[in-house]
Amino acid sequence: MGLTAPFVFRAEGRAGGSIYVLHSAATSADVGGTINITPLTDLVLANVAG
């Protein structure tokens, strides 16, 4: 039994003394490819999710 899309990814880290939490999303078409988790994907996902 596998997971079912859509998938939501979360990346946490620290840079320059600040803590960052970024999100991205992927569909089943993205499986096996590169998933980018950037401030832009975080902004898009936040606006889509409400």
Protein backbone atom coordinates (compact mmCIF):
# COMPACT_ATOMS: atom_id res chain seq x y z
CA MET A 1 0.00 0.00 0.00
CA GLY A 2 1.56 3.28 -1.11
CA LEU A 3 0.82 6.91 -0.56
CA THR A 4 -1.69 8.78 -2.70
CA ALA A 5 -1.07 12.18 -4.30
CA PRO A 6 -1.19 15.09 -3.78
CA PHE A 7 1.86 15.25 -1.55
CA VAL A 8 2.87 18.16 0.70
CA PHE A 9 6.51 18.61 1.69
CA ARG A 10 7.91 20.60 4.60
CA ALA A 11 11.54 21.67 5.02
CA GLU A 12 12.85 23.18 8.25
CA GLY A 13 16.25 24.71 8.83
CA ARG A 14 18.33 27.52 10.21
CA ALA A 15 20.34 30.03 8.19
CA GLY A 16 21.96 33.24 9.32
CA GLY A 17 20.54 32.84 12.81
CA SER A 18 16.95 32.63 11.54
CA ILE A 19 14.69 29.58 11.52
CA TYR A 20 12.94 28.83 8.24
CA VAL A 21 9.99 26.55 7.48
CA LEU A 22 9.08 26.14 3.80
CA HIS A 23 6.43 24.04 2.06
CA SER A 24 5.84 22.65 -1.40
CA ALA A 25 3.36 20.31 -3.07
CA ALA A 26 3.55 17.66 -5.76
CA THR A 27 1.17 15.53 -7.80
CA SER A 28 1.54 11.94 -8.95
CA ALA A 29 3.02 13.29 -12.21
CA ASP A 30 5.94 14.72 -10.19
CA VAL A 31 6.94 11.36 -8.66
CA GLY A 32 10.48 10.45 -9.67
CA GLY A 33 11.32 14.04 -10.56
CA THR A 34 12.78 16.97 -8.68
CA ILE A 35 10.58 18.68 -6.10
CA ASN A 36 11.64 22.25 -5.34
CA ILE A 37 10.98 23.66 -1.87
CA THR A 38 11.60 27.40 -2.03
CA PRO A 39 10.15 30.63 -0.64
CA LEU A 40 8.17 30.91 -3.89
CA THR A 41 6.62 27.42 -3.60
CA ASP A 42 5.82 28.21 0.04
CA LEU A 43 4.04 31.42 -1.00
CA VAL A 44 2.07 29.69 -3.77
CA LEU A 45 1.00 26.84 -1.50
CA ALA A 46 -0.03 29.26 1.26
CA ASN A 47 -2.23 31.19 -1.19
CA VAL A 48 -3.80 28.05 -2.67
CA ALA A 49 -4.42 26.43 0.71
CA GLY A 50 -5.89 29.60 2.17
